[in-house]
Amino acid sequence: MTEPRKERKVVTVVFADLVGFTERAETLDPEDVEQILRPYHERLRTELERFGGTVEKFIGDAVMAVFGAPIAREDDPERAVRAALAIRDWALEAGEVEVRVAINTGRRSSRSTRVPKQAKRWSPAMSSTLPPACRPRRRRTGSSWGSRHTARRST
């Protein structure tokens, strides 16, 4: 078996979470938490994938997606911004959830391995791109935030 090859790419990370969900979830039964999260996760996955993102993980109410890996496109930052705006608009229209979204663009080092049928599998994001994107809690409710790196690359 060959050693996974490390690749360095510029990616845009989108991170979203539900406002106040952790405190709310602590008072709910696990089945009730799942009933809230399932449609939320499905909707976010749909919006992120519609714009070409890859959902890397769901951690409770937190959703992390990457644009630019495993497939890179020239307009990945713009696609990430469009996905974030679609998520924000859906949340505002639905009125049932409050979502915060943060976006950051930067370099990422990942391992790429071959799996059956030559599909690519990527390791989780390893970079300085992640920390700024993982700070939506500091943002205003219903807001979207994008770093200057993302703004520069999406115009």
C-alpha atoms as a PDB file:
ATOM      1  CA  MET A   1       0.000   0.000   0.000  1.00  0.00           C
ATOM      2  CA  THR A   2       1.380   3.392  -0.932  1.00  0.00           C
ATOM      3  CA  GLU A   3       1.835   6.193   1.570  1.00  0.00           C
ATOM      4  CA  PRO A   4      -0.839   8.925   1.292  1.00  0.00           C
ATOM      5  CA  ARG A   5       0.366  11.912  -0.690  1.00  0.00           C
ATOM      6  CA  LYS A   6       0.223  15.298   1.017  1.00  0.00           C
ATOM      7  CA  GLU A   7      -1.220  18.110  -1.024  1.00  0.00           C
ATOM      8  CA  ARG A   8      -1.342  21.808  -0.305  1.00  0.00           C
ATOM      9  CA  LYS A   9      -4.328  23.737  -1.614  1.00  0.00           C
ATOM     10  CA  VAL A  10      -6.069  27.036  -1.132  1.00  0.00           C
ATOM     11  CA  VAL A  11      -9.495  26.261   0.304  1.00  0.00           C
ATOM     12  CA  THR A  12     -12.432  28.164   1.700  1.00  0.00           C
ATOM     13  CA  VAL A  13     -13.945  26.843   4.922  1.00  0.00           C
ATOM     14  CA  VAL A  14     -17.565  27.515   5.854  1.00  0.00           C
ATOM     15  CA  PHE A  15     -18.613  27.002   9.452  1.00  0.00           C
ATOM     16  CA  ALA A  16     -22.223  27.343  10.640  1.00  0.00           C
ATOM     17  CA  ASP A  17     -23.985  26.826  13.936  1.00  0.00           C
ATOM     18  CA  LEU A  18     -27.344  27.396  15.580  1.00  0.00           C
ATOM     19  CA  VAL A  19     -27.585  30.300  18.004  1.00  0.00           C
ATOM     20  CA  GLY A  20     -28.212  29.126  21.577  1.00  0.00           C
ATOM     21  CA  PHE A  21     -28.579  25.497  20.604  1.00  0.00           C
ATOM     22  CA  THR A  22     -26.158  24.004  23.135  1.00  0.00           C
ATOM     23  CA  GLU A  23     -28.053  25.477  26.078  1.00  0.00           C
ATOM     24  CA  ARG A  24     -31.376  24.459  24.563  1.00  0.00           C
ATOM     25  CA  ALA A  25     -30.198  20.910  23.807  1.00  0.00           C
ATOM     26  CA  GLU A  26     -29.187  20.384  27.427  1.00  0.00           C
ATOM     27  CA  THR A  27     -32.858  20.563  28.414  1.00  0.00           C
ATOM     28  CA  LEU A  28     -34.145  18.245  25.659  1.00  0.00           C
ATOM     29  CA  ASP A  29     -34.338  14.486  25.251  1.00  0.00           C
ATOM     30  CA  PRO A  30     -31.881  13.040  22.704  1.00  0.00           C
ATOM     31  CA  GLU A  31     -34.765  12.180  20.349  1.00  0.00           C
ATOM     32  CA  ASP A  32     -35.927  15.804  20.403  1.00  0.00           C
ATOM     33  CA  VAL A  33     -32.408  17.027  19.655  1.00  0.00           C
ATOM     34  CA  GLU A  34     -32.212  14.640  16.705  1.00  0.00           C
ATOM     35  CA  GLN A  35     -35.620  15.821  15.472  1.00  0.00           C
ATOM     36  CA  ILE A  36     -34.299  19.399  15.358  1.00  0.00           C
ATOM     37  CA  LEU A  37     -30.880  18.607  13.920  1.00  0.00           C
ATOM     38  CA  ARG A  38     -31.823  16.166  11.151  1.00  0.00           C
ATOM     39  CA  PRO A  39     -33.691  18.670   8.918  1.00  0.00           C
ATOM     40  CA  TYR A  40     -31.161  21.406   9.760  1.00  0.00           C
ATOM     41  CA  HIS A  41     -28.234  19.175   8.732  1.00  0.00           C
ATOM     42  CA  GLU A  42     -30.056  18.061   5.570  1.00  0.00           C
ATOM     43  CA  ARG A  43     -30.801  21.647   4.547  1.00  0.00           C
ATOM     44  CA  LEU A  44     -27.255  22.859   5.150  1.00  0.00           C
ATOM     45  CA  ARG A  45     -25.775  19.879   3.311  1.00  0.00           C
ATOM     46  CA  THR A  46     -28.094  20.579   0.365  1.00  0.00           C
ATOM     47  CA  GLU A  47     -27.116  24.256   0.174  1.00  0.00           C
ATOM     48  CA  LEU A  48     -23.398  23.637   0.636  1.00  0.00           C
ATOM     49  CA  GLU A  49     -23.281  20.845  -1.966  1.00  0.00           C
ATOM     50  CA  ARG A  50     -25.458  22.826  -4.385  1.00  0.00           C
ATOM     51  CA  PHE A  51     -22.666  25.395  -4.572  1.00  0.00           C
ATOM     52  CA  GLY A  52     -19.886  22.790  -4.816  1.00  0.00           C
ATOM     53  CA  GLY A  53     -18.843  22.446  -1.171  1.00  0.00           C
ATOM     54  CA  THR A  54     -17.903  19.247   0.625  1.00  0.00           C
ATOM     55  CA  VAL A  55     -19.346  18.794   4.111  1.00  0.00           C
ATOM     56  CA  GLU A  56     -16.480  17.595   6.267  1.00  0.00           C
ATOM     57  CA  LYS A  57     -18.310  17.162   9.534  1.00  0.00           C
ATOM     58  CA  PHE A  58     -21.325  17.713  11.711  1.00  0.00           C
ATOM     59  CA  ILE A  59     -20.583  18.208  15.398  1.00  0.00           C
ATOM     60  CA  GLY A  60     -23.888  18.720  17.146  1.00  0.00           C
ATOM     61  CA  ASP A  61     -25.308  21.877  15.611  1.00  0.00           C
ATOM     62  CA  ALA A  62     -21.969  22.858  14.051  1.00  0.00           C
ATOM     63  CA  VAL A  63     -21.436  22.194  10.360  1.00  0.00           C
ATOM     64  CA  MET A  64     -18.075  22.525   8.636  1.00  0.00           C
ATOM     65  CA  ALA A  65     -17.667  22.443   4.870  1.00  0.00           C
ATOM     66  CA  VAL A  66     -14.768  23.000   2.500  1.00  0.00           C
ATOM     67  CA  PHE A  67     -14.737  24.533  -0.956  1.00  0.00           C
ATOM     68  CA  GLY A  68     -11.627  23.730  -2.990  1.00  0.00           C
ATOM     69  CA  ALA A  69     -10.968  20.171  -1.828  1.00  0.00           C
ATOM     70  CA  PRO A  70     -11.008  17.558  -3.105  1.00  0.00           C
ATOM     71  CA  ILE A  71     -11.997  19.431  -6.280  1.00  0.00           C
ATOM     72  CA  ALA A  72     -10.655  22.958  -6.722  1.00  0.00           C
ATOM     73  CA  ARG A  73     -12.414  25.581  -8.808  1.00  0.00           C
ATOM     74  CA  GLU A  74     -11.263  29.103  -9.506  1.00  0.00           C
ATOM     75  CA  ASP A  75     -14.416  30.568  -7.969  1.00  0.00           C
ATOM     76  CA  ASP A  76     -14.519  28.460  -4.769  1.00  0.00           C
ATOM     77  CA  PRO A  77     -14.503  31.503  -2.445  1.00  0.00           C
ATOM     78  CA  GLU A  78     -17.451  33.012  -4.310  1.00  0.00           C
ATOM     79  CA  ARG A  79     -19.294  29.678  -4.211  1.00  0.00           C
ATOM     80  CA  ALA A  80     -18.732  29.516  -0.436  1.00  0.00           C
ATOM     81  CA  VAL A  81     -20.118  33.029   0.013  1.00  0.00           C
ATOM     82  CA  ARG A  82     -23.161  32.179  -2.107  1.00  0.00           C
ATOM     83  CA  ALA A  83     -23.780  29.033  -0.032  1.00  0.00           C
ATOM     84  CA  ALA A  84     -23.458  31.026   3.211  1.00  0.00           C
ATOM     85  CA  LEU A  85     -25.936  33.619   1.944  1.00  0.00           C
ATOM     86  CA  ALA A  86     -28.365  30.869   0.882  1.00  0.00           C
ATOM     87  CA  ILE A  87     -28.148  29.365   4.389  1.00  0.00           C
ATOM     88  CA  ARG A  88     -28.694  32.764   5.987  1.00  0.00           C
ATOM     89  CA  ASP A  89     -31.650  33.528   3.696  1.00  0.00           C
ATOM     90  CA  TRP A  90     -33.252  30.145   4.411  1.00  0.00           C
ATOM     91  CA  ALA A  91     -32.917  30.691   8.168  1.00  0.00           C
ATOM     92  CA  LEU A  92     -34.410  34.190   7.941  1.00  0.00           C
ATOM     93  CA  GLU A  93     -37.315  32.980   5.761  1.00  0.00           C
ATOM     94  CA  ALA A  94     -38.036  29.938   7.922  1.00  0.00           C
ATOM     95  CA  GLY A  95     -37.928  32.011  11.078  1.00  0.00           C
ATOM     96  CA  GLU A  96     -37.617  28.856  13.186  1.00  0.00           C
ATOM     97  CA  VAL A  97     -33.836  28.834  13.620  1.00  0.00           C
ATOM     98  CA  GLU A  98     -31.110  31.415  14.094  1.00  0.00           C
ATOM     99  CA  VAL A  99     -27.915  30.531  12.246  1.00  0.00           C
ATOM    100  CA  ARG A 100     -24.476  32.125  12.285  1.00  0.00           C
ATOM    101  CA  VAL A 101     -22.107  31.505   9.392  1.00  0.00           C
ATOM    102  CA  ALA A 102     -18.383  32.277   9.122  1.00  0.00           C
ATOM    103  CA  ILE A 103     -16.099  31.874   6.104  1.00  0.00           C
ATOM    104  CA  ASN A 104     -12.328  31.949   5.716  1.00  0.00           C
ATOM    105  CA  THR A 105      -9.952  31.245   2.845  1.00  0.00           C
ATOM    106  CA  GLY A 106      -6.366  30.060   3.181  1.00  0.00           C
ATOM    107  CA  ARG A 107      -3.880  27.267   2.600  1.00  0.00           C
ATOM    108  CA  ARG A 108      -4.545  23.736   3.736  1.00  0.00           C
ATOM    109  CA  SER A 109      -2.411  20.641   3.858  1.00  0.00           C
ATOM    110  CA  SER A 110      -4.273  17.389   3.292  1.00  0.00           C
ATOM    111  CA  ARG A 111      -3.505  13.779   2.630  1.00  0.00           C
ATOM    112  CA  SER A 112      -4.994  12.306  -0.501  1.00  0.00           C
ATOM    113  CA  THR A 113      -5.397   8.551  -0.778  1.00  0.00           C
ATOM    114  CA  ARG A 114      -6.802   6.391  -3.517  1.00  0.00           C
ATOM    115  CA  VAL A 115      -9.797   4.278  -2.664  1.00  0.00           C
ATOM    116  CA  PRO A 116     -11.772   1.871  -4.863  1.00  0.00           C
ATOM    117  CA  LYS A 117     -12.908   3.246  -8.219  1.00  0.00           C
ATOM    118  CA  GLN A 118     -10.235   5.949  -7.991  1.00  0.00           C
ATOM    119  CA  ALA A 119     -12.369   8.222  -5.787  1.00  0.00           C
ATOM    120  CA  LYS A 120     -10.406  10.639  -3.647  1.00  0.00           C
ATOM    121  CA  ARG A 121     -10.658  10.635   0.110  1.00  0.00           C
ATOM    122  CA  TRP A 122      -9.378  13.643   2.037  1.00  0.00           C
ATOM    123  CA  SER A 123      -8.186  13.970   5.581  1.00  0.00           C
ATOM    124  CA  PRO A 124      -9.766  16.704   7.705  1.00  0.00           C
ATOM    125  CA  ALA A 125      -8.595  20.266   7.222  1.00  0.00           C
ATOM    126  CA  MET A 126      -5.184  20.983   8.685  1.00  0.00           C
ATOM    127  CA  SER A 127      -4.397  24.651   8.417  1.00  0.00           C
ATOM    128  CA  SER A 128      -4.621  28.127   9.765  1.00  0.00           C
ATOM    129  CA  THR A 129      -7.751  28.486   7.596  1.00  0.00           C
ATOM    130  CA  LEU A 130      -9.851  26.806  10.238  1.00  0.00           C
ATOM    131  CA  PRO A 131      -9.584  28.984  13.381  1.00  0.00           C
ATOM    132  CA  PRO A 132     -11.067  32.221  11.968  1.00  0.00           C
ATOM    133  CA  ALA A 133     -13.910  30.298  10.341  1.00  0.00           C
ATOM    134  CA  CYS A 134     -14.711  28.538  13.609  1.00  0.00           C
ATOM    135  CA  ARG A 135     -15.599  31.749  15.425  1.00  0.00           C
ATOM    136  CA  PRO A 136     -19.209  32.448  14.423  1.00  0.00           C
ATOM    137  CA  ARG A 137     -20.152  32.629  18.113  1.00  0.00           C
ATOM    138  CA  ARG A 138     -18.567  36.065  18.226  1.00  0.00           C
ATOM    139  CA  ARG A 139     -20.761  37.251  15.380  1.00  0.00           C
ATOM    140  CA  ARG A 140     -24.176  38.842  15.535  1.00  0.00           C
ATOM    141  CA  THR A 141     -27.195  36.557  15.299  1.00  0.00           C
ATOM    142  CA  GLY A 142     -28.345  36.018  11.715  1.00  0.00           C
ATOM    143  CA  SER A 143     -25.068  37.374  10.406  1.00  0.00           C
ATOM    144  CA  SER A 144     -22.604  36.010   7.928  1.00  0.00           C
ATOM    145  CA  TRP A 145     -18.923  36.773   8.233  1.00  0.00           C
ATOM    146  CA  GLY A 146     -16.188  36.421   5.679  1.00  0.00           C
ATOM    147  CA  SER A 147     -12.492  37.043   6.092  1.00  0.00           C
ATOM    148  CA  ARG A 148     -10.577  39.576   4.008  1.00  0.00           C
ATOM    149  CA  HIS A 149      -8.830  36.613   2.318  1.00  0.00           C
ATOM    150  CA  THR A 150     -12.195  35.292   1.125  1.00  0.00           C
ATOM    151  CA  ALA A 151     -13.378  38.742   0.040  1.00  0.00           C
ATOM    152  CA  ARG A 152     -10.207  39.259  -2.014  1.00  0.00           C
ATOM    153  CA  ARG A 153     -10.571  35.909  -3.784  1.00  0.00           C
ATOM    154  CA  SER A 154     -14.317  36.109  -4.411  1.00  0.00           C
ATOM    155  CA  THR A 155     -14.350  39.418  -6.287  1.00  0.00           C
END
